PDB file of all heavy atoms in Angstrom:
ATOM      1  N   PRO A   1      91.026 101.386  65.712  1.00  0.00           N
ATOM      2  CA  PRO A   1      90.643 100.462  66.786  1.00  0.00           C
ATOM      3  C   PRO A   1      91.819  99.767  67.474  1.00  0.00           C
ATOM      4  O   PRO A   1      91.676  99.268  68.582  1.00  0.00           O
ATOM      5  CB  PRO A   1      89.758  99.426  66.076  1.00  0.00           C
ATOM      6  CG  PRO A   1      89.334 100.067  64.819  1.00  0.00           C
ATOM      7  CD  PRO A   1      90.421 101.032  64.439  1.00  0.00           C
ATOM      8  N   ASP A   2      92.973  99.746  66.841  1.00  0.00           N
ATOM      9  CA  ASP A   2      94.145  99.084  67.410  1.00  0.00           C
ATOM     10  C   ASP A   2      95.057 100.065  68.170  1.00  0.00           C
ATOM     11  O   ASP A   2      96.201  99.745  68.473  1.00  0.00           O
ATOM     12  CB  ASP A   2      94.936  98.385  66.290  1.00  0.00           C
ATOM     13  CG  ASP A   2      95.913  97.366  66.842  1.00  0.00           C
ATOM     14  OD1 ASP A   2      95.550  96.637  67.784  1.00  0.00           O
ATOM     15  OD2 ASP A   2      97.050  97.303  66.331  1.00  0.00           O
ATOM     16  N   LEU A   3      94.532 101.228  68.490  1.00  0.00           N
ATOM     17  CA  LEU A   3      95.319 102.267  69.153  1.00  0.00           C
ATOM     18  C   LEU A   3      95.923 101.750  70.455  1.00  0.00           C
ATOM     19  O   LEU A   3      95.271 101.032  71.214  1.00  0.00           O
ATOM     20  CB  LEU A   3      94.421 103.468  69.434  1.00  0.00           C
ATOM     21  CG  LEU A   3      95.102 104.790  69.715  1.00  0.00           C
ATOM     22  CD1 LEU A   3      95.943 105.233  68.523  1.00  0.00           C
ATOM     23  CD2 LEU A   3      94.057 105.848  70.027  1.00  0.00           C
ATOM     24  N   ARG A   4      97.162 102.155  70.711  1.00  0.00           N
ATOM     25  CA  ARG A   4      97.897 101.712  71.907  1.00  0.00           C
ATOM     26  C   ARG A   4      97.987 102.830  72.932  1.00  0.00           C
ATOM     27  O   ARG A   4      97.761 103.995  72.645  1.00  0.00           O
ATOM     28  CB  ARG A   4      99.302 101.239  71.508  1.00  0.00           C
ATOM     29  CG  ARG A   4      99.325 100.137  70.476  1.00  0.00           C
ATOM     30  CD  ARG A   4      98.608  98.895  70.969  1.00  0.00           C
ATOM     31  NE  ARG A   4      98.367  97.928  69.917  1.00  0.00           N
ATOM     32  CZ  ARG A   4      98.465  96.632  70.100  1.00  0.00           C
ATOM     33  NH1 ARG A   4      98.801  96.140  71.260  1.00  0.00           N
ATOM     34  NH2 ARG A   4      98.212  95.808  69.095  1.00  0.00           N
ATOM     35  N   ASP A   5      98.373 102.467  74.126  1.00  0.00           N
ATOM     36  CA  ASP A   5      98.453 103.376  75.275  1.00  0.00           C
ATOM     37  C   ASP A   5      99.762 104.172  75.241  1.00  0.00           C
ATOM     38  O   ASP A   5     100.546 104.159  76.185  1.00  0.00           O
ATOM     39  CB  ASP A   5      98.332 102.541  76.549  1.00  0.00           C
ATOM     40  CG  ASP A   5      98.132 103.358  77.797  1.00  0.00           C
ATOM     41  OD1 ASP A   5      97.825 104.557  77.688  1.00  0.00           O
ATOM     42  OD2 ASP A   5      98.292 102.791  78.895  1.00  0.00           O
ATOM     43  N   VAL A   6      99.992 104.901  74.161  1.00  0.00           N
ATOM     44  CA  VAL A   6     101.275 105.574  73.937  1.00  0.00           C
ATOM     45  C   VAL A   6     101.514 106.749  74.883  1.00  0.00           C
ATOM     46  O   VAL A   6     102.646 107.197  75.026  1.00  0.00           O
ATOM     47  CB  VAL A   6     101.410 106.049  72.478  1.00  0.00           C
ATOM     48  CG1 VAL A   6     101.440 104.866  71.533  1.00  0.00           C
ATOM     49  CG2 VAL A   6     100.296 107.017  72.103  1.00  0.00           C
ATOM     50  N   ARG A   7     100.481 107.243  75.538  1.00  0.00           N
ATOM     51  CA  ARG A   7     100.643 108.377  76.461  1.00  0.00           C
ATOM     52  C   ARG A   7     100.997 107.936  77.879  1.00  0.00           C
ATOM     53  O   ARG A   7     101.172 108.768  78.762  1.00  0.00           O
ATOM     54  CB  ARG A   7      99.370 109.220  76.470  1.00  0.00           C
ATOM     55  CG  ARG A   7      99.089 109.854  75.123  1.00  0.00           C
ATOM     56  CD  ARG A   7      97.829 110.650  75.137  1.00  0.00           C
ATOM     57  NE  ARG A   7      97.589 111.241  73.813  1.00  0.00           N
ATOM     58  CZ  ARG A   7      96.469 111.824  73.467  1.00  0.00           C
ATOM     59  NH1 ARG A   7      95.473 111.926  74.315  1.00  0.00           N
ATOM     60  NH2 ARG A   7      96.331 112.325  72.260  1.00  0.00           N
ATOM     61  N   ASN A   8     101.084 106.639  78.108  1.00  0.00           N
ATOM     62  CA  ASN A   8     101.380 106.125  79.442  1.00  0.00           C
ATOM     63  C   ASN A   8     102.783 106.538  79.864  1.00  0.00           C
ATOM     64  O   ASN A   8     103.726 106.462  79.071  1.00  0.00           O
ATOM     65  CB  ASN A   8     101.249 104.592  79.450  1.00  0.00           C
ATOM     66  CG  ASN A   8     101.133 104.044  80.846  1.00  0.00           C
ATOM     67  OD1 ASN A   8     102.000 104.260  81.684  1.00  0.00           O
ATOM     68  ND2 ASN A   8     100.051 103.342  81.090  1.00  0.00           N
ATOM     69  N   ALA A   9     102.913 106.951  81.104  1.00  0.00           N
ATOM     70  CA  ALA A   9     104.215 107.375  81.633  1.00  0.00           C
ATOM     71  C   ALA A   9     105.193 106.198  81.736  1.00  0.00           C
ATOM     72  O   ALA A   9     106.406 106.397  81.694  1.00  0.00           O
ATOM     73  CB  ALA A   9     104.036 108.016  83.005  1.00  0.00           C
ATOM     74  N   ASP A  10     104.669 104.982  81.851  1.00  0.00           N
ATOM     75  CA  ASP A  10     105.512 103.796  81.963  1.00  0.00           C
ATOM     76  C   ASP A  10     105.742 103.205  80.569  1.00  0.00           C
ATOM     77  O   ASP A  10     104.825 102.668  79.949  1.00  0.00           O
ATOM     78  CB  ASP A  10     104.828 102.764  82.860  1.00  0.00           C
ATOM     79  CG  ASP A  10     105.680 101.535  83.111  1.00  0.00           C
ATOM     80  OD1 ASP A  10     106.700 101.339  82.403  1.00  0.00           O
ATOM     81  OD2 ASP A  10     105.322 100.778  84.020  1.00  0.00           O
ATOM     82  N   PRO A  11     106.960 103.288  80.054  1.00  0.00           N
ATOM     83  CA  PRO A  11     107.245 102.778  78.705  1.00  0.00           C
ATOM     84  C   PRO A  11     106.854 101.309  78.502  1.00  0.00           C
ATOM     85  O   PRO A  11     106.498 100.904  77.404  1.00  0.00           O
ATOM     86  CB  PRO A  11     108.747 102.960  78.547  1.00  0.00           C
ATOM     87  CG  PRO A  11     109.135 103.984  79.556  1.00  0.00           C
ATOM     88  CD  PRO A  11     108.152 103.857  80.682  1.00  0.00           C
ATOM     89  N   LYS A  12     106.888 100.513  79.570  1.00  0.00           N
ATOM     90  CA  LYS A  12     106.542  99.095  79.466  1.00  0.00           C
ATOM     91  C   LYS A  12     105.056  98.882  79.158  1.00  0.00           C
ATOM     92  O   LYS A  12     104.673  97.818  78.680  1.00  0.00           O
ATOM     93  CB  LYS A  12     106.888  98.374  80.763  1.00  0.00           C
ATOM     94  CG  LYS A  12     108.356  98.343  81.064  1.00  0.00           C
ATOM     95  CD  LYS A  12     108.598  97.704  82.417  1.00  0.00           C
ATOM     96  CE  LYS A  12     110.024  97.942  82.863  1.00  0.00           C
ATOM     97  NZ  LYS A  12     110.204  97.696  84.276  1.00  0.00           N
ATOM     98  N   LEU A  13     104.229  99.880  79.455  1.00  0.00           N
ATOM     99  CA  LEU A  13     102.782  99.739  79.264  1.00  0.00           C
ATOM    100  C   LEU A  13     102.270 100.397  77.979  1.00  0.00           C
ATOM    101  O   LEU A  13     101.085 100.337  77.684  1.00  0.00           O
ATOM    102  CB  LEU A  13     102.034 100.331  80.472  1.00  0.00           C
ATOM    103  CG  LEU A  13     102.342  99.679  81.816  1.00  0.00           C
ATOM    104  CD1 LEU A  13     101.610 100.396  82.934  1.00  0.00           C
ATOM    105  CD2 LEU A  13     101.984  98.201  81.792  1.00  0.00           C
ATOM    106  N   ARG A  14     103.142 100.988  77.218  1.00  0.00           N
ATOM    107  CA  ARG A  14     102.717 101.750  76.035  1.00  0.00           C
ATOM    108  C   ARG A  14     102.230 100.888  74.878  1.00  0.00           C
ATOM    109  O   ARG A  14     101.638 101.403  73.940  1.00  0.00           O
ATOM    110  CB  ARG A  14     103.851 102.662  75.574  1.00  0.00           C
ATOM    111  CG  ARG A  14     104.101 103.777  76.559  1.00  0.00           C
ATOM    112  CD  ARG A  14     105.181 104.713  76.102  1.00  0.00           C
ATOM    113  NE  ARG A  14     105.440 105.684  77.151  1.00  0.00           N
ATOM    114  CZ  ARG A  14     106.561 106.356  77.275  1.00  0.00           C
ATOM    115  NH1 ARG A  14     107.547 106.177  76.391  1.00  0.00           N
ATOM    116  NH2 ARG A  14     106.728 107.210  78.248  1.00  0.00           N
ATOM    117  N   GLN A  15     102.438  99.587  74.941  1.00  0.00           N
ATOM    118  CA  GLN A  15     101.965  98.706  73.871  1.00  0.00           C
ATOM    119  C   GLN A  15     100.577  98.111  74.167  1.00  0.00           C
ATOM    120  O   GLN A  15     100.032  97.381  73.347  1.00  0.00           O
ATOM    121  CB  GLN A  15     102.973  97.581  73.623  1.00  0.00           C
ATOM    122  CG  GLN A  15     104.247  98.076  72.977  1.00  0.00           C
ATOM    123  CD  GLN A  15     103.973  98.813  71.671  1.00  0.00           C
ATOM    124  OE1 GLN A  15     103.253  98.327  70.799  1.00  0.00           O
ATOM    125  NE2 GLN A  15     104.520 100.023  71.538  1.00  0.00           N
ATOM    126  N   ARG A  16      99.995  98.451  75.325  1.00  0.00           N
ATOM    127  CA  ARG A  16      98.657  97.944  75.650  1.00  0.00           C
ATOM    128  C   ARG A  16      97.622  98.549  74.709  1.00  0.00           C
ATOM    129  O   ARG A  16      97.705  99.727  74.377  1.00  0.00           O
ATOM    130  CB  ARG A  16      98.236  98.323  77.073  1.00  0.00           C
ATOM    131  CG  ARG A  16      99.108  97.799  78.134  1.00  0.00           C
ATOM    132  CD  ARG A  16      98.553  98.081  79.509  1.00  0.00           C
ATOM    133  NE  ARG A  16      98.392  99.515  79.780  1.00  0.00           N
ATOM    134  CZ  ARG A  16      97.919 100.009  80.917  1.00  0.00           C
ATOM    135  NH1 ARG A  16      97.549  99.194  81.890  1.00  0.00           N
ATOM    136  NH2 ARG A  16      97.808 101.302  81.092  1.00  0.00           N
ATOM    137  N   ARG A  17      96.674  97.745  74.288  1.00  0.00           N
ATOM    138  CA  ARG A  17      95.566  98.262  73.474  1.00  0.00           C
ATOM    139  C   ARG A  17      94.656  99.102  74.358  1.00  0.00           C
ATOM    140  O   ARG A  17      94.372  98.738  75.493  1.00  0.00           O
ATOM    141  CB  ARG A  17      94.776  97.114  72.870  1.00  0.00           C
ATOM    142  CG  ARG A  17      95.548  96.390  71.787  1.00  0.00           C
ATOM    143  CD  ARG A  17      94.708  95.390  71.082  1.00  0.00           C
ATOM    144  NE  ARG A  17      93.591  96.104  70.448  1.00  0.00           N
ATOM    145  CZ  ARG A  17      92.590  95.512  69.854  1.00  0.00           C
ATOM    146  NH1 ARG A  17      92.528  94.213  69.798  1.00  0.00           N
ATOM    147  NH2 ARG A  17      91.629  96.206  69.296  1.00  0.00           N
ATOM    148  N   LEU A  18      94.193 100.244  73.851  1.00  0.00           N
ATOM    149  CA  LEU A  18      93.293 101.096  74.613  1.00  0.00           C
ATOM    150  C   LEU A  18      91.887 100.515  74.694  1.00  0.00           C
ATOM    151  O   LEU A  18      91.242 100.603  75.734  1.00  0.00           O
ATOM    152  CB  LEU A  18      93.230 102.500  74.007  1.00  0.00           C
ATOM    153  CG  LEU A  18      94.424 103.401  74.304  1.00  0.00           C
ATOM    154  CD1 LEU A  18      94.240 104.763  73.658  1.00  0.00           C
ATOM    155  CD2 LEU A  18      94.632 103.545  75.801  1.00  0.00           C
ATOM    156  N   LYS A  19      91.407  99.928  73.603  1.00  0.00           N
ATOM    157  CA  LYS A  19      90.059  99.368  73.617  1.00  0.00           C
ATOM    158  C   LYS A  19      90.021  98.205  74.606  1.00  0.00           C
ATOM    159  O   LYS A  19      90.791  97.255  74.510  1.00  0.00           O
ATOM    160  CB  LYS A  19      89.636  98.901  72.241  1.00  0.00           C
ATOM    161  CG  LYS A  19      88.197  98.481  72.210  1.00  0.00           C
ATOM    162  CD  LYS A  19      87.662  98.402  70.818  1.00  0.00           C
ATOM    163  CE  LYS A  19      86.180  98.115  70.892  1.00  0.00           C
ATOM    164  NZ  LYS A  19      85.418  98.990  70.091  1.00  0.00           N
ATOM    165  N   GLY A  20      89.134  98.320  75.585  1.00  0.00           N
ATOM    166  CA  GLY A  20      89.011  97.298  76.615  1.00  0.00           C
ATOM    167  C   GLY A  20      89.912  97.505  77.812  1.00  0.00           C
ATOM    168  O   GLY A  20      89.868  96.731  78.771  1.00  0.00           O
ATOM    169  N   LEU A  21      90.731  98.552  77.793  1.00  0.00           N
ATOM    170  CA  LEU A  21      91.659  98.822  78.895  1.00  0.00           C
ATOM    171  C   LEU A  21      90.881  99.162  80.167  1.00  0.00           C
ATOM    172  O   LEU A  21      89.994 100.021  80.162  1.00  0.00           O
ATOM    173  CB  LEU A  21      92.585  99.981  78.532  1.00  0.00           C
ATOM    174  CG  LEU A  21      93.665 100.328  79.554  1.00  0.00           C
ATOM    175  CD1 LEU A  21      94.673  99.196  79.683  1.00  0.00           C
ATOM    176  CD2 LEU A  21      94.376 101.607  79.140  1.00  0.00           C
ATOM    177  N   VAL A  22      91.206  98.480  81.258  1.00  0.00           N
ATOM    178  CA  VAL A  22      90.547  98.734  82.540  1.00  0.00           C
ATOM    179  C   VAL A  22      91.113 100.033  83.120  1.00  0.00           C
ATOM    180  O   VAL A  22      92.311 100.161  83.337  1.00  0.00           O
ATOM    181  CB  VAL A  22      90.744  97.558  83.519  1.00  0.00           C
ATOM    182  CG1 VAL A  22      90.124  97.880  84.872  1.00  0.00           C
ATOM    183  CG2 VAL A  22      90.134  96.291  82.935  1.00  0.00           C
ATOM    184  N   VAL A  23      90.215 101.011  83.341  1.00  0.00           N
ATOM    185  CA  VAL A  23      90.622 102.334  83.820  1.00  0.00           C
ATOM    186  C   VAL A  23      90.147 102.609  85.248  1.00  0.00           C
ATOM    187  O   VAL A  23      90.611 103.558  85.881  1.00  0.00           O
ATOM    188  CB  VAL A  23      90.151 103.443  82.859  1.00  0.00           C
ATOM    189  CG1 VAL A  23      90.838 103.312  81.503  1.00  0.00           C
ATOM    190  CG2 VAL A  23      88.645 103.446  82.696  1.00  0.00           C
ATOM    191  N   LEU A  24      89.216 101.799  85.751  1.00  0.00           N
ATOM    192  CA  LEU A  24      88.731 101.888  87.137  1.00  0.00           C
ATOM    193  C   LEU A  24      88.801 100.488  87.730  1.00  0.00           C
ATOM    194  O   LEU A  24      88.340  99.531  87.108  1.00  0.00           O
ATOM    195  CB  LEU A  24      87.277 102.359  87.198  1.00  0.00           C
ATOM    196  CG  LEU A  24      86.905 103.694  86.577  1.00  0.00           C
ATOM    197  CD1 LEU A  24      85.392 103.871  86.564  1.00  0.00           C
ATOM    198  CD2 LEU A  24      87.564 104.828  87.338  1.00  0.00           C
ATOM    199  N   ARG A  25      89.351 100.383  88.935  1.00  0.00           N
ATOM    200  CA  ARG A  25      89.462  99.060  89.567  1.00  0.00           C
ATOM    201  C   ARG A  25      89.023  99.114  91.020  1.00  0.00           C
ATOM    202  O   ARG A  25      89.286 100.093  91.720  1.00  0.00           O
ATOM    203  CB  ARG A  25      90.909  98.569  89.557  1.00  0.00           C
ATOM    204  CG  ARG A  25      91.433  98.173  88.216  1.00  0.00           C
ATOM    205  CD  ARG A  25      92.828  97.536  88.370  1.00  0.00           C
ATOM    206  NE  ARG A  25      93.479  97.406  87.088  1.00  0.00           N
ATOM    207  CZ  ARG A  25      93.308  96.373  86.280  1.00  0.00           C
ATOM    208  NH1 ARG A  25      92.525  95.392  86.613  1.00  0.00           N
ATOM    209  NH2 ARG A  25      93.937  96.331  85.117  1.00  0.00           N
ATOM    210  N   ASN A  26      88.379  98.033  91.439  1.00  0.00           N
ATOM    211  CA  ASN A  26      88.149  97.749  92.855  1.00  0.00           C
ATOM    212  C   ASN A  26      87.394  98.836  93.620  1.00  0.00           C
ATOM    213  O   ASN A  26      87.782  99.209  94.722  1.00  0.00           O
ATOM    214  CB  ASN A  26      89.493  97.445  93.534  1.00  0.00           C
ATOM    215  CG  ASN A  26      89.302  96.675  94.820  1.00  0.00           C
ATOM    216  OD1 ASN A  26      88.369  95.892  94.948  1.00  0.00           O
ATOM    217  ND2 ASN A  26      90.179  96.898  95.768  1.00  0.00           N
ATOM    218  N   PHE A  27      86.312  99.340  93.048  1.00  0.00           N
ATOM    219  CA  PHE A  27      85.495 100.343  93.734  1.00  0.00           C
ATOM    220  C   PHE A  27      84.404  99.655  94.541  1.00  0.00           C
ATOM    221  O   PHE A  27      83.683  98.813  94.037  1.00  0.00           O
ATOM    222  CB  PHE A  27      84.902 101.337  92.732  1.00  0.00           C
ATOM    223  CG  PHE A  27      85.887 102.384  92.320  1.00  0.00           C
ATOM    224  CD1 PHE A  27      86.834 102.114  91.349  1.00  0.00           C
ATOM    225  CD2 PHE A  27      85.898 103.622  92.933  1.00  0.00           C
ATOM    226  CE1 PHE A  27      87.768 103.063  90.984  1.00  0.00           C
ATOM    227  CE2 PHE A  27      86.833 104.581  92.580  1.00  0.00           C
ATOM    228  CZ  PHE A  27      87.770 104.301  91.600  1.00  0.00           C
ATOM    229  N   ARG A  28      84.308 100.058  95.799  1.00  0.00           N
ATOM    230  CA  ARG A  28      83.322  99.472  96.721  1.00  0.00           C
ATOM    231  C   ARG A  28      82.583 100.578  97.447  1.00  0.00           C
ATOM    232  O   ARG A  28      83.129 101.652  97.657  1.00  0.00           O
ATOM    233  CB  ARG A  28      84.020  98.573  97.739  1.00  0.00           C
ATOM    234  CG  ARG A  28      84.709  97.387  97.114  1.00  0.00           C
ATOM    235  CD  ARG A  28      85.518  96.615  98.156  1.00  0.00           C
ATOM    236  NE  ARG A  28      86.296  95.571  97.529  1.00  0.00           N
ATOM    237  CZ  ARG A  28      85.893  94.308  97.408  1.00  0.00           C
ATOM    238  NH1 ARG A  28      84.726  93.954  97.877  1.00  0.00           N
ATOM    239  NH2 ARG A  28      86.661  93.424  96.814  1.00  0.00           N
ATOM    240  N   GLY A  29      81.364 100.277  97.837  1.00  0.00           N
ATOM    241  CA  GLY A  29      80.569 101.240  98.589  1.00  0.00           C
ATOM    242  C   GLY A  29      79.144 101.250  98.102  1.00  0.00           C
ATOM    243  O   GLY A  29      78.567 100.216  97.819  1.00  0.00           O
ATOM    244  N   GLY A  30      78.597 102.454  97.986  1.00  0.00           N
ATOM    245  CA  GLY A  30      77.225 102.638  97.558  1.00  0.00           C
ATOM    246  C   GLY A  30      76.387 103.098  98.731  1.00  0.00           C
ATOM    247  O   GLY A  30      76.872 103.169  99.849  1.00  0.00           O
ATOM    248  N   PRO A  31      75.190 103.504  98.602  1.00  0.00           N
ATOM    249  CA  PRO A  31      74.442 103.477  97.350  1.00  0.00           C
ATOM    250  C   PRO A  31      74.732 104.652  96.413  1.00  0.00           C
ATOM    251  O   PRO A  31      74.357 104.606  95.253  1.00  0.00           O
ATOM    252  CB  PRO A  31      72.990 103.497  97.797  1.00  0.00           C
ATOM    253  CG  PRO A  31      72.998 104.267  99.065  1.00  0.00           C
ATOM    254  CD  PRO A  31      74.332 103.933  99.713  1.00  0.00           C
ATOM    255  N   SER A  32      75.418 105.685  96.882  1.00  0.00           N
ATOM    256  CA  SER A  32      75.681 106.804  95.973  1.00  0.00           C
ATOM    257  C   SER A  32      77.152 107.193  95.909  1.00  0.00           C
ATOM    258  O   SER A  32      77.521 108.072  95.147  1.00  0.00           O
ATOM    259  CB  SER A  32      74.849 108.021  96.368  1.00  0.00           C
ATOM    260  OG  SER A  32      75.197 108.437  97.662  1.00  0.00           O
ATOM    261  N   GLU A  33      78.005 106.539  96.689  1.00  0.00           N
ATOM    262  CA  GLU A  33      79.433 106.858  96.661  1.00  0.00           C
ATOM    263  C   GLU A  33      80.257 105.590  96.831  1.00  0.00           C
ATOM    264  O   GLU A  33      79.940 104.737  97.658  1.00  0.00           O
ATOM    265  CB  GLU A  33      79.787 107.856  97.766  1.00  0.00           C
ATOM    266  CG  GLU A  33      81.137 108.474  97.570  1.00  0.00           C
ATOM    267  CD  GLU A  33      81.344 109.735  98.387  1.00  0.00           C
ATOM    268  OE1 GLU A  33      80.410 110.539  98.509  1.00  0.00           O
ATOM    269  OE2 GLU A  33      82.469 109.900  98.876  1.00  0.00           O
ATOM    270  N   TRP A  34      81.311 105.483  95.999  1.00  0.00           N
ATOM    271  CA  TRP A  34      82.183 104.319  95.996  1.00  0.00           C
ATOM    272  C   TRP A  34      83.627 104.802  96.070  1.00  0.00           C
ATOM    273  O   TRP A  34      83.965 105.835  95.512  1.00  0.00           O
ATOM    274  CB  TRP A  34      82.003 103.504  94.714  1.00  0.00           C
ATOM    275  CG  TRP A  34      80.636 102.935  94.557  1.00  0.00           C
ATOM    276  CD1 TRP A  34      80.240 101.655  94.831  1.00  0.00           C
ATOM    277  CD2 TRP A  34      79.469 103.610  94.088  1.00  0.00           C
ATOM    278  NE1 TRP A  34      78.903 101.510  94.562  1.00  0.00           N
ATOM    279  CE2 TRP A  34      78.403 102.693  94.109  1.00  0.00           C
ATOM    280  CE3 TRP A  34      79.208 104.913  93.663  1.00  0.00           C
ATOM    281  CZ2 TRP A  34      77.115 103.022  93.709  1.00  0.00           C
ATOM    282  CZ3 TRP A  34      77.920 105.250  93.265  1.00  0.00           C
ATOM    283  CH2 TRP A  34      76.893 104.301  93.296  1.00  0.00           C
ATOM    284  N   GLU A  35      84.474 104.029  96.737  1.00  0.00           N
ATOM    285  CA  GLU A  35      85.903 104.343  96.803  1.00  0.00           C
ATOM    286  C   GLU A  35      86.695 103.136  96.342  1.00  0.00           C
ATOM    287  O   GLU A  35      86.274 101.998  96.517  1.00  0.00           O
ATOM    288  CB  GLU A  35      86.295 104.718  98.231  1.00  0.00           C
ATOM    289  CG  GLU A  35      85.707 106.039  98.663  1.00  0.00           C
ATOM    290  CD  GLU A  35      86.208 106.501 100.014  1.00  0.00           C
ATOM    291  OE1 GLU A  35      87.078 105.829 100.605  1.00  0.00           O
ATOM    292  OE2 GLU A  35      85.730 107.540 100.471  1.00  0.00           O
TER     293      GLU A  35
END
């Protein structure tokens, strides 16, 4: 459960915890498509 983001291309971000990591941000639109 404490797994880190070790596959990240940015070495500064490799210590982030994967659980709870935001992977999609700021999507708007609808009703069937968001960008």
